[in-house]
Amino acid sequence: DQVEFGLYESVDGESRVRSGVARLKPESGEVTFRDE
């Protein structure tokens, strides 16, 4: 029920990694995010 998503970007040698989490509620089919 946990979905992790992330982005890795490298521009002219400078890198940035960002990730987030969403939760799947199988009984309702809803996806909610951990926070704003």
Full PDB file with SEQRES, HELIX, SHEET, SSBOND, CRYST1, ORIGX, SCALE, CONECT and MASTER records, all heavy atoms in Angstrom:
SEQRES   1 A   36  ASP GLN VAL GLU PHE GLY LEU TYR GLU SER VAL ASP GLY          
SEQRES   2 A   36  GLU SER ARG VAL ARG SER GLY VAL ALA ARG LEU LYS PRO          
SEQRES   3 A   36  GLU SER GLY GLU VAL THR PHE ARG ASP GLU                      
SHEET    1 AA1 3 GLN A   2  VAL A  11  0                                        
SHEET    2 AA1 3 GLU A  14  LYS A  25 -1                                        
SHEET    3 AA1 3 GLU A  30  PHE A  33 -1                                        
CRYST1    1.000    1.000    1.000  90.00  90.00  90.00 P 1           1          
ORIGX1      1.000000  0.000000  0.000000        0.00000                         
ORIGX2      0.000000  1.000000  0.000000        0.00000                         
ORIGX3      0.000000  0.000000  1.000000        0.00000                         
SCALE1      1.000000  0.000000  0.000000        0.00000                         
SCALE2      0.000000  1.000000  0.000000        0.00000                         
SCALE3      0.000000  0.000000  1.000000        0.00000                         
ATOM      1  N   ASP A   1       0.807  -1.216   0.000  1.00  0.00           N  
ATOM      2  CA  ASP A   1       0.000   0.000   0.000  1.00  0.00           C  
ATOM      3  C   ASP A   1       0.844   1.272   0.000  1.00  0.00           C  
ATOM      4  O   ASP A   1       0.306   2.373   0.089  1.00  0.00           O  
ATOM      5  CB  ASP A   1      -0.969   0.002   1.186  1.00  0.00           C  
ATOM      6  CG  ASP A   1      -0.261   0.066   2.531  1.00  0.00           C  
ATOM      7  OD1 ASP A   1       0.977  -0.091   2.575  1.00  0.00           O  
ATOM      8  OD2 ASP A   1      -0.951   0.280   3.538  1.00  0.00           O  
ATOM      9  N   GLN A   2       2.159   1.143  -0.108  1.00  0.00           N  
ATOM     10  CA  GLN A   2       3.032   2.315  -0.128  1.00  0.00           C  
ATOM     11  C   GLN A   2       3.629   2.517  -1.516  1.00  0.00           C  
ATOM     12  O   GLN A   2       4.165   1.592  -2.113  1.00  0.00           O  
ATOM     13  CB  GLN A   2       4.163   2.181   0.892  1.00  0.00           C  
ATOM     14  CG  GLN A   2       5.062   3.400   0.918  1.00  0.00           C  
ATOM     15  CD  GLN A   2       5.966   3.420   2.120  1.00  0.00           C  
ATOM     16  OE1 GLN A   2       5.491   3.371   3.248  1.00  0.00           O  
ATOM     17  NE2 GLN A   2       7.263   3.489   1.900  1.00  0.00           N  
ATOM     18  N   VAL A   3       3.521   3.740  -2.023  1.00  0.00           N  
ATOM     19  CA  VAL A   3       4.061   4.091  -3.331  1.00  0.00           C  
ATOM     20  C   VAL A   3       5.100   5.186  -3.123  1.00  0.00           C  
ATOM     21  O   VAL A   3       4.775   6.264  -2.618  1.00  0.00           O  
ATOM     22  CB  VAL A   3       2.963   4.602  -4.291  1.00  0.00           C  
ATOM     23  CG1 VAL A   3       3.561   4.945  -5.651  1.00  0.00           C  
ATOM     24  CG2 VAL A   3       1.845   3.593  -4.429  1.00  0.00           C  
ATOM     25  N   GLU A   4       6.352   4.890  -3.458  1.00  0.00           N  
ATOM     26  CA  GLU A   4       7.408   5.895  -3.382  1.00  0.00           C  
ATOM     27  C   GLU A   4       7.674   6.398  -4.793  1.00  0.00           C  
ATOM     28  O   GLU A   4       7.710   5.629  -5.739  1.00  0.00           O  
ATOM     29  CB  GLU A   4       8.681   5.300  -2.797  1.00  0.00           C  
ATOM     30  CG  GLU A   4       8.545   4.886  -1.347  1.00  0.00           C  
ATOM     31  CD  GLU A   4       9.840   4.348  -0.770  1.00  0.00           C  
ATOM     32  OE1 GLU A   4      10.927   4.698  -1.279  1.00  0.00           O  
ATOM     33  OE2 GLU A   4       9.762   3.572   0.189  1.00  0.00           O  
ATOM     34  N   PHE A   5       7.863   7.707  -4.912  1.00  0.00           N  
ATOM     35  CA  PHE A   5       8.183   8.287  -6.206  1.00  0.00           C  
ATOM     36  C   PHE A   5       9.344   9.250  -5.999  1.00  0.00           C  
ATOM     37  O   PHE A   5       9.495   9.848  -4.938  1.00  0.00           O  
ATOM     38  CB  PHE A   5       6.969   8.988  -6.837  1.00  0.00           C  
ATOM     39  CG  PHE A   5       6.288   9.983  -5.930  1.00  0.00           C  
ATOM     40  CD1 PHE A   5       6.613  11.319  -5.988  1.00  0.00           C  
ATOM     41  CD2 PHE A   5       5.326   9.569  -5.028  1.00  0.00           C  
ATOM     42  CE1 PHE A   5       5.991  12.243  -5.153  1.00  0.00           C  
ATOM     43  CE2 PHE A   5       4.693  10.469  -4.194  1.00  0.00           C  
ATOM     44  CZ  PHE A   5       5.026  11.816  -4.264  1.00  0.00           C  
ATOM     45  N   GLY A   6      10.211   9.344  -7.009  1.00  0.00           N  
ATOM     46  CA  GLY A   6      11.375  10.196  -6.849  1.00  0.00           C  
ATOM     47  C   GLY A   6      11.885  10.745  -8.160  1.00  0.00           C  
ATOM     48  O   GLY A   6      11.620  10.202  -9.233  1.00  0.00           O  
ATOM     49  N   LEU A   7      12.630  11.836  -8.023  1.00  0.00           N  
ATOM     50  CA  LEU A   7      13.253  12.499  -9.161  1.00  0.00           C  
ATOM     51  C   LEU A   7      14.736  12.678  -8.882  1.00  0.00           C  
ATOM     52  O   LEU A   7      15.116  13.068  -7.778  1.00  0.00           O  
ATOM     53  CB  LEU A   7      12.656  13.893  -9.376  1.00  0.00           C  
ATOM     54  CG  LEU A   7      11.274  13.997  -9.949  1.00  0.00           C  
ATOM     55  CD1 LEU A   7      10.780  15.433  -9.849  1.00  0.00           C  
ATOM     56  CD2 LEU A   7      11.280  13.554 -11.398  1.00  0.00           C  
ATOM     57  N   TYR A   8      15.557  12.386  -9.878  1.00  0.00           N  
ATOM     58  CA  TYR A   8      16.986  12.674  -9.826  1.00  0.00           C  
ATOM     59  C   TYR A   8      17.276  13.588 -11.002  1.00  0.00           C  
ATOM     60  O   TYR A   8      16.907  13.281 -12.133  1.00  0.00           O  
ATOM     61  CB  TYR A   8      17.821  11.399  -9.938  1.00  0.00           C  
ATOM     62  CG  TYR A   8      19.278  11.689 -10.197  1.00  0.00           C  
ATOM     63  CD1 TYR A   8      20.126  12.020  -9.149  1.00  0.00           C  
ATOM     64  CD2 TYR A   8      19.798  11.676 -11.485  1.00  0.00           C  
ATOM     65  CE1 TYR A   8      21.461  12.320  -9.385  1.00  0.00           C  
ATOM     66  CE2 TYR A   8      21.130  11.966 -11.734  1.00  0.00           C  
ATOM     67  CZ  TYR A   8      21.949  12.284 -10.676  1.00  0.00           C  
ATOM     68  OH  TYR A   8      23.270  12.589 -10.906  1.00  0.00           O  
ATOM     69  N   GLU A   9      17.898  14.723 -10.719  1.00  0.00           N  
ATOM     70  CA  GLU A   9      18.241  15.673 -11.780  1.00  0.00           C  
ATOM     71  C   GLU A   9      19.706  16.072 -11.637  1.00  0.00           C  
ATOM     72  O   GLU A   9      20.177  16.321 -10.534  1.00  0.00           O  
ATOM     73  CB  GLU A   9      17.376  16.929 -11.675  1.00  0.00           C  
ATOM     74  CG  GLU A   9      15.900  16.639 -11.742  1.00  0.00           C  
ATOM     75  CD  GLU A   9      15.059  17.774 -11.214  1.00  0.00           C  
ATOM     76  OE1 GLU A   9      15.280  18.209 -10.076  1.00  0.00           O  
ATOM     77  OE2 GLU A   9      14.181  18.220 -11.965  1.00  0.00           O  
ATOM     78  N   SER A  10      20.392  16.142 -12.746  1.00  0.00           N  
ATOM     79  CA  SER A  10      21.762  16.625 -12.779  1.00  0.00           C  
ATOM     80  C   SER A  10      21.861  17.650 -13.909  1.00  0.00           C  
ATOM     81  O   SER A  10      21.625  17.323 -15.067  1.00  0.00           O  
ATOM     82  CB  SER A  10      22.739  15.476 -13.026  1.00  0.00           C  
ATOM     83  OG  SER A  10      24.061  15.976 -13.098  1.00  0.00           O  
ATOM     84  N   VAL A  11      22.166  18.891 -13.532  1.00  0.00           N  
ATOM     85  CA  VAL A  11      22.281  19.975 -14.503  1.00  0.00           C  
ATOM     86  C   VAL A  11      23.671  20.577 -14.358  1.00  0.00           C  
ATOM     87  O   VAL A  11      24.027  21.088 -13.293  1.00  0.00           O  
ATOM     88  CB  VAL A  11      21.200  21.058 -14.276  1.00  0.00           C  
ATOM     89  CG1 VAL A  11      21.362  22.188 -15.276  1.00  0.00           C  
ATOM     90  CG2 VAL A  11      19.811  20.459 -14.352  1.00  0.00           C  
ATOM     91  N   ASP A  12      24.451  20.475 -15.437  1.00  0.00           N  
ATOM     92  CA  ASP A  12      25.819  21.009 -15.442  1.00  0.00           C  
ATOM     93  C   ASP A  12      26.618  20.585 -14.215  1.00  0.00           C  
ATOM     94  O   ASP A  12      27.305  21.374 -13.587  1.00  0.00           O  
ATOM     95  CB  ASP A  12      25.790  22.536 -15.564  1.00  0.00           C  
ATOM     96  CG  ASP A  12      25.213  22.993 -16.889  1.00  0.00           C  
ATOM     97  OD1 ASP A  12      25.404  22.272 -17.889  1.00  0.00           O  
ATOM     98  OD2 ASP A  12      24.556  24.048 -16.926  1.00  0.00           O  
ATOM     99  N   GLY A  13      26.482  19.306 -13.846  1.00  0.00           N  
ATOM    100  CA  GLY A  13      27.275  18.738 -12.761  1.00  0.00           C  
ATOM    101  C   GLY A  13      26.688  18.907 -11.370  1.00  0.00           C  
ATOM    102  O   GLY A  13      27.207  18.352 -10.415  1.00  0.00           O  
ATOM    103  N   GLU A  14      25.625  19.658 -11.209  1.00  0.00           N  
ATOM    104  CA  GLU A  14      24.983  19.800  -9.908  1.00  0.00           C  
ATOM    105  C   GLU A  14      23.774  18.883  -9.850  1.00  0.00           C  
ATOM    106  O   GLU A  14      22.903  18.932 -10.708  1.00  0.00           O  
ATOM    107  CB  GLU A  14      24.566  21.249  -9.673  1.00  0.00           C  
ATOM    108  CG  GLU A  14      25.766  22.165  -9.522  1.00  0.00           C  
ATOM    109  CD  GLU A  14      25.391  23.497  -8.913  1.00  0.00           C  
ATOM    110  OE1 GLU A  14      24.390  23.564  -8.162  1.00  0.00           O  
ATOM    111  OE2 GLU A  14      26.089  24.465  -9.204  1.00  0.00           O  
ATOM    112  N   SER A  15      23.734  18.044  -8.813  1.00  0.00           N  
ATOM    113  CA  SER A  15      22.688  17.025  -8.705  1.00  0.00           C  
ATOM    114  C   SER A  15      21.691  17.354  -7.600  1.00  0.00           C  
ATOM    115  O   SER A  15      22.030  17.998  -6.608  1.00  0.00           O  
ATOM    116  CB  SER A  15      23.305  15.664  -8.401  1.00  0.00           C  
ATOM    117  OG  SER A  15      24.172  15.290  -9.432  1.00  0.00           O  
ATOM    118  N   ARG A  16      20.478  16.851  -7.808  1.00  0.00           N  
ATOM    119  CA  ARG A  16      19.430  17.024  -6.805  1.00  0.00           C  
ATOM    120  C   ARG A  16      18.556  15.769  -6.828  1.00  0.00           C  
ATOM    121  O   ARG A  16      18.160  15.296  -7.895  1.00  0.00           O  
ATOM    122  CB  ARG A  16      18.605  18.256  -7.122  1.00  0.00           C  
ATOM    123  CG  ARG A  16      17.506  18.517  -6.118  1.00  0.00           C  
ATOM    124  CD  ARG A  16      16.935  19.892  -6.261  1.00  0.00           C  
ATOM    125  NE  ARG A  16      16.072  19.981  -7.428  1.00  0.00           N  
ATOM    126  CZ  ARG A  16      15.136  20.904  -7.559  1.00  0.00           C  
ATOM    127  NH1 ARG A  16      14.973  21.822  -6.645  1.00  0.00           N  
ATOM    128  NH2 ARG A  16      14.382  20.917  -8.639  1.00  0.00           N  
ATOM    129  N   VAL A  17      18.262  15.254  -5.658  1.00  0.00           N  
ATOM    130  CA  VAL A  17      17.389  14.083  -5.512  1.00  0.00           C  
ATOM    131  C   VAL A  17      16.218  14.481  -4.620  1.00  0.00           C  
ATOM    132  O   VAL A  17      16.422  15.073  -3.560  1.00  0.00           O  
ATOM    133  CB  VAL A  17      18.141  12.890  -4.884  1.00  0.00           C  
ATOM    134  CG1 VAL A  17      17.210  11.712  -4.664  1.00  0.00           C  
ATOM    135  CG2 VAL A  17      19.329  12.495  -5.729  1.00  0.00           C  
ATOM    136  N   ARG A  18      15.012  14.170  -5.072  1.00  0.00           N  
ATOM    137  CA  ARG A  18      13.816  14.444  -4.275  1.00  0.00           C  
ATOM    138  C   ARG A  18      12.925  13.216  -4.314  1.00  0.00           C  
ATOM    139  O   ARG A  18      12.831  12.552  -5.345  1.00  0.00           O  
ATOM    140  CB  ARG A  18      13.055  15.651  -4.834  1.00  0.00           C  
ATOM    141  CG  ARG A  18      13.886  16.916  -4.786  1.00  0.00           C  
ATOM    142  CD  ARG A  18      13.176  18.085  -5.418  1.00  0.00           C  
ATOM    143  NE  ARG A  18      13.104  17.888  -6.872  1.00  0.00           N  
ATOM    144  CZ  ARG A  18      12.217  18.464  -7.660  1.00  0.00           C  
ATOM    145  NH1 ARG A  18      11.295  19.251  -7.161  1.00  0.00           N  
ATOM    146  NH2 ARG A  18      12.225  18.255  -8.955  1.00  0.00           N  
ATOM    147  N   SER A  19      12.274  12.919  -3.198  1.00  0.00           N  
ATOM    148  CA  SER A  19      11.370  11.768  -3.187  1.00  0.00           C  
ATOM    149  C   SER A  19      10.184  12.036  -2.280  1.00  0.00           C  
ATOM    150  O   SER A  19      10.243  12.879  -1.383  1.00  0.00           O  
ATOM    151  CB  SER A  19      12.104  10.501  -2.749  1.00  0.00           C  
ATOM    152  OG  SER A  19      12.568  10.641  -1.427  1.00  0.00           O  
ATOM    153  N   GLY A  20       9.117  11.308  -2.554  1.00  0.00           N  
ATOM    154  CA  GLY A  20       7.896  11.446  -1.775  1.00  0.00           C  
ATOM    155  C   GLY A  20       7.207  10.102  -1.615  1.00  0.00           C  
ATOM    156  O   GLY A  20       7.592   9.117  -2.236  1.00  0.00           O  
ATOM    157  N   VAL A  21       6.168  10.103  -0.785  1.00  0.00           N  
ATOM    158  CA  VAL A  21       5.437   8.874  -0.481  1.00  0.00           C  
ATOM    159  C   VAL A  21       3.941   9.123  -0.595  1.00  0.00           C  
ATOM    160  O   VAL A  21       3.439  10.166  -0.168  1.00  0.00           O  
ATOM    161  CB  VAL A  21       5.768   8.374   0.946  1.00  0.00           C  
ATOM    162  CG1 VAL A  21       4.906   7.186   1.337  1.00  0.00           C  
ATOM    163  CG2 VAL A  21       7.238   8.034   1.061  1.00  0.00           C  
ATOM    164  N   ALA A  22       3.268   8.153  -1.180  1.00  0.00           N  
ATOM    165  CA  ALA A  22       1.807   8.137  -1.216  1.00  0.00           C  
ATOM    166  C   ALA A  22       1.346   6.788  -0.684  1.00  0.00           C  
ATOM    167  O   ALA A  22       2.080   5.805  -0.752  1.00  0.00           O  
ATOM    168  CB  ALA A  22       1.301   8.346  -2.638  1.00  0.00           C  
ATOM    169  N   ARG A  23       0.164   6.773  -0.147  1.00  0.00           N  
ATOM    170  CA  ARG A  23      -0.403   5.522   0.371  1.00  0.00           C  
ATOM    171  C   ARG A  23      -1.640   5.158  -0.437  1.00  0.00           C  
ATOM    172  O   ARG A  23      -2.474   5.995  -0.730  1.00  0.00           O  
ATOM    173  CB  ARG A  23      -0.797   5.683   1.832  1.00  0.00           C  
ATOM    174  CG  ARG A  23       0.368   6.010   2.708  1.00  0.00           C  
ATOM    175  CD  ARG A  23       0.553   4.952   3.745  1.00  0.00           C  
ATOM    176  NE  ARG A  23       1.636   5.332   4.638  1.00  0.00           N  
ATOM    177  CZ  ARG A  23       2.790   4.705   4.671  1.00  0.00           C  
ATOM    178  NH1 ARG A  23       3.004   3.693   3.882  1.00  0.00           N  
ATOM    179  NH2 ARG A  23       3.734   5.082   5.495  1.00  0.00           N  
ATOM    180  N   LEU A  24      -1.723   3.883  -0.769  1.00  0.00           N  
ATOM    181  CA  LEU A  24      -2.860   3.346  -1.503  1.00  0.00           C  
ATOM    182  C   LEU A  24      -3.802   2.684  -0.510  1.00  0.00           C  
ATOM    183  O   LEU A  24      -3.377   1.869   0.305  1.00  0.00           O  
ATOM    184  CB  LEU A  24      -2.372   2.327  -2.537  1.00  0.00           C  
ATOM    185  CG  LEU A  24      -3.421   1.542  -3.294  1.00  0.00           C  
ATOM    186  CD1 LEU A  24      -4.315   2.477  -4.106  1.00  0.00           C  
ATOM    187  CD2 LEU A  24      -2.759   0.527  -4.203  1.00  0.00           C  
ATOM    188  N   LYS A  25      -5.065   3.057  -0.585  1.00  0.00           N  
ATOM    189  CA  LYS A  25      -6.089   2.418   0.245  1.00  0.00           C  
ATOM    190  C   LYS A  25      -6.845   1.444  -0.656  1.00  0.00           C  
ATOM    191  O   LYS A  25      -7.745   1.847  -1.392  1.00  0.00           O  
ATOM    192  CB  LYS A  25      -7.035   3.459   0.828  1.00  0.00           C  
ATOM    193  CG  LYS A  25      -6.346   4.422   1.765  1.00  0.00           C  
ATOM    194  CD  LYS A  25      -7.329   5.437   2.301  1.00  0.00           C  
ATOM    195  CE  LYS A  25      -6.630   6.402   3.230  1.00  0.00           C  
ATOM    196  NZ  LYS A  25      -7.550   7.443   3.706  1.00  0.00           N  
ATOM    197  N   PRO A  26      -6.442   0.162  -0.652  1.00  0.00           N  
ATOM    198  CA  PRO A  26      -7.008  -0.813  -1.591  1.00  0.00           C  
ATOM    199  C   PRO A  26      -8.526  -0.927  -1.533  1.00  0.00           C  
ATOM    200  O   PRO A  26      -9.183  -1.094  -2.558  1.00  0.00           O  
ATOM    201  CB  PRO A  26      -6.343  -2.132  -1.199  1.00  0.00           C  
ATOM    202  CG  PRO A  26      -5.150  -1.764  -0.402  1.00  0.00           C  
ATOM    203  CD  PRO A  26      -5.461  -0.445   0.234  1.00  0.00           C  
ATOM    204  N   GLU A  27      -9.094  -0.823  -0.349  1.00  0.00           N  
ATOM    205  CA  GLU A  27     -10.538  -1.005  -0.226  1.00  0.00           C  
ATOM    206  C   GLU A  27     -11.331   0.095  -0.935  1.00  0.00           C  
ATOM    207  O   GLU A  27     -12.408  -0.142  -1.453  1.00  0.00           O  
ATOM    208  CB  GLU A  27     -10.967  -1.106   1.246  1.00  0.00           C  
ATOM    209  CG  GLU A  27     -10.712   0.140   2.088  1.00  0.00           C  
ATOM    210  CD  GLU A  27      -9.271   0.327   2.554  1.00  0.00           C  
ATOM    211  OE1 GLU A  27      -8.441  -0.576   2.380  1.00  0.00           O  
ATOM    212  OE2 GLU A  27      -8.975   1.406   3.088  1.00  0.00           O  
ATOM    213  N   SER A  28     -10.769   1.313  -1.012  1.00  0.00           N  
ATOM    214  CA  SER A  28     -11.486   2.420  -1.653  1.00  0.00           C  
ATOM    215  C   SER A  28     -10.875   2.836  -2.992  1.00  0.00           C  
ATOM    216  O   SER A  28     -11.499   3.573  -3.752  1.00  0.00           O  
ATOM    217  CB  SER A  28     -11.500   3.635  -0.719  1.00  0.00           C  
ATOM    218  OG  SER A  28     -10.181   4.150  -0.561  1.00  0.00           O  
ATOM    219  N   GLY A  29      -9.643   2.380  -3.254  1.00  0.00           N  
ATOM    220  CA  GLY A  29      -8.963   2.787  -4.481  1.00  0.00           C  
ATOM    221  C   GLY A  29      -8.412   4.207  -4.415  1.00  0.00           C  
ATOM    222  O   GLY A  29      -7.988   4.757  -5.418  1.00  0.00           O  
ATOM    223  N   GLU A  30      -8.398   4.791  -3.226  1.00  0.00           N  
ATOM    224  CA  GLU A  30      -7.893   6.154  -3.044  1.00  0.00           C  
ATOM    225  C   GLU A  30      -6.383   6.139  -2.813  1.00  0.00           C  
ATOM    226  O   GLU A  30      -5.840   5.230  -2.203  1.00  0.00           O  
ATOM    227  CB  GLU A  30      -8.557   6.828  -1.841  1.00  0.00           C  
ATOM    228  CG  GLU A  30     -10.019   7.152  -2.047  1.00  0.00           C  
ATOM    229  CD  GLU A  30     -10.246   8.275  -3.039  1.00  0.00           C  
ATOM    230  OE1 GLU A  30      -9.507   9.260  -3.015  1.00  0.00           O  
ATOM    231  OE2 GLU A  30     -11.173   8.136  -3.855  1.00  0.00           O  
ATOM    232  N   VAL A  31      -5.735   7.188  -3.318  1.00  0.00           N  
ATOM    233  CA  VAL A  31      -4.314   7.403  -3.077  1.00  0.00           C  
ATOM    234  C   VAL A  31      -4.201   8.706  -2.291  1.00  0.00           C  
ATOM    235  O   VAL A  31      -4.756   9.730  -2.700  1.00  0.00           O  
ATOM    236  CB  VAL A  31      -3.514   7.510  -4.395  1.00  0.00           C  
ATOM    237  CG1 VAL A  31      -2.059   7.860  -4.118  1.00  0.00           C  
ATOM    238  CG2 VAL A  31      -3.603   6.210  -5.181  1.00  0.00           C  
ATOM    239  N   THR A  32      -3.528   8.654  -1.146  1.00  0.00           N  
ATOM    240  CA  THR A  32      -3.328   9.858  -0.340  1.00  0.00           C  
ATOM    241  C   THR A  32      -1.830  10.095  -0.179  1.00  0.00           C  
ATOM    242  O   THR A  32      -1.038   9.152  -0.181  1.00  0.00           O  
ATOM    243  CB  THR A  32      -3.975   9.725   1.050  1.00  0.00           C  
ATOM    244  OG1 THR A  32      -3.433   8.579   1.718  1.00  0.00           O  
ATOM    245  CG2 THR A  32      -5.483   9.557   0.943  1.00  0.00           C  
ATOM    246  N   PHE A  33      -1.469  11.343  -0.031  1.00  0.00           N  
ATOM    247  CA  PHE A  33      -0.061  11.700   0.133  1.00  0.00           C  
ATOM    248  C   PHE A  33       0.264  11.860   1.611  1.00  0.00           C  
ATOM    249  O   PHE A  33      -0.607  12.210   2.411  1.00  0.00           O  
ATOM    250  CB  PHE A  33       0.253  12.982  -0.640  1.00  0.00           C  
ATOM    251  CG  PHE A  33       0.083  12.799  -2.123  1.00  0.00           C  
ATOM    252  CD1 PHE A  33      -1.113  13.124  -2.750  1.00  0.00           C  
ATOM    253  CD2 PHE A  33       1.099  12.255  -2.880  1.00  0.00           C  
ATOM    254  CE1 PHE A  33      -1.291  12.930  -4.115  1.00  0.00           C  
ATOM    255  CE2 PHE A  33       0.936  12.042  -4.239  1.00  0.00           C  
ATOM    256  CZ  PHE A  33      -0.257  12.388  -4.853  1.00  0.00           C  
ATOM    257  N   ARG A  34       1.521  11.624   1.934  1.00  0.00           N  
ATOM    258  CA  ARG A  34       1.975  11.703   3.320  1.00  0.00           C  
ATOM    259  C   ARG A  34       1.741  13.101   3.885  1.00  0.00           C  
ATOM    260  O   ARG A  34       1.329  13.264   5.023  1.00  0.00           O  
ATOM    261  CB  ARG A  34       3.450  11.315   3.383  1.00  0.00           C  
ATOM    262  CG  ARG A  34       4.081  11.354   4.724  1.00  0.00           C  
ATOM    263  CD  ARG A  34       5.493  10.842   4.715  1.00  0.00           C  
ATOM    264  NE  ARG A  34       6.306  11.497   3.690  1.00  0.00           N  
ATOM    265  CZ  ARG A  34       7.530  11.118   3.375  1.00  0.00           C  
ATOM    266  NH1 ARG A  34       8.080  10.096   3.985  1.00  0.00           N  
ATOM    267  NH2 ARG A  34       8.208  11.746   2.441  1.00  0.00           N  
ATOM    268  N   ASP A  35       2.012  14.113   3.051  1.00  0.00           N  
ATOM    269  CA  ASP A  35       1.810  15.496   3.471  1.00  0.00           C  
ATOM    270  C   ASP A  35       1.707  16.388   2.240  1.00  0.00           C  
ATOM    271  O   ASP A  35       1.804  15.904   1.097  1.00  0.00           O  
ATOM    272  CB  ASP A  35       2.937  15.967   4.397  1.00  0.00           C  
ATOM    273  CG  ASP A  35       4.328  15.797   3.807  1.00  0.00           C  
ATOM    274  OD1 ASP A  35       4.486  15.864   2.562  1.00  0.00           O  
ATOM    275  OD2 ASP A  35       5.282  15.597   4.579  1.00  0.00           O  
ATOM    276  N   GLU A  36       1.495  17.664   2.454  1.00  0.00           N  
ATOM    277  CA  GLU A  36       1.314  18.601   1.349  1.00  0.00           C  
ATOM    278  C   GLU A  36       2.582  18.713   0.494  1.00  0.00           C  
ATOM    279  O   GLU A  36       2.507  18.865  -0.727  1.00  0.00           O  
ATOM    280  CB  GLU A  36       0.933  19.976   1.900  1.00  0.00           C  
ATOM    281  CG  GLU A  36       0.480  20.936   0.822  1.00  0.00           C  
ATOM    282  CD  GLU A  36      -0.044  22.239   1.398  1.00  0.00           C  
ATOM    283  OE1 GLU A  36      -0.872  22.178   2.329  1.00  0.00           O  
ATOM    284  OE2 GLU A  36       0.381  23.294   0.896  1.00  0.00           O  
TER     285      GLU A  36                                                      
MASTER        0    0    0    0    3    0    0    6  284    1    0    3          
END                                                                             
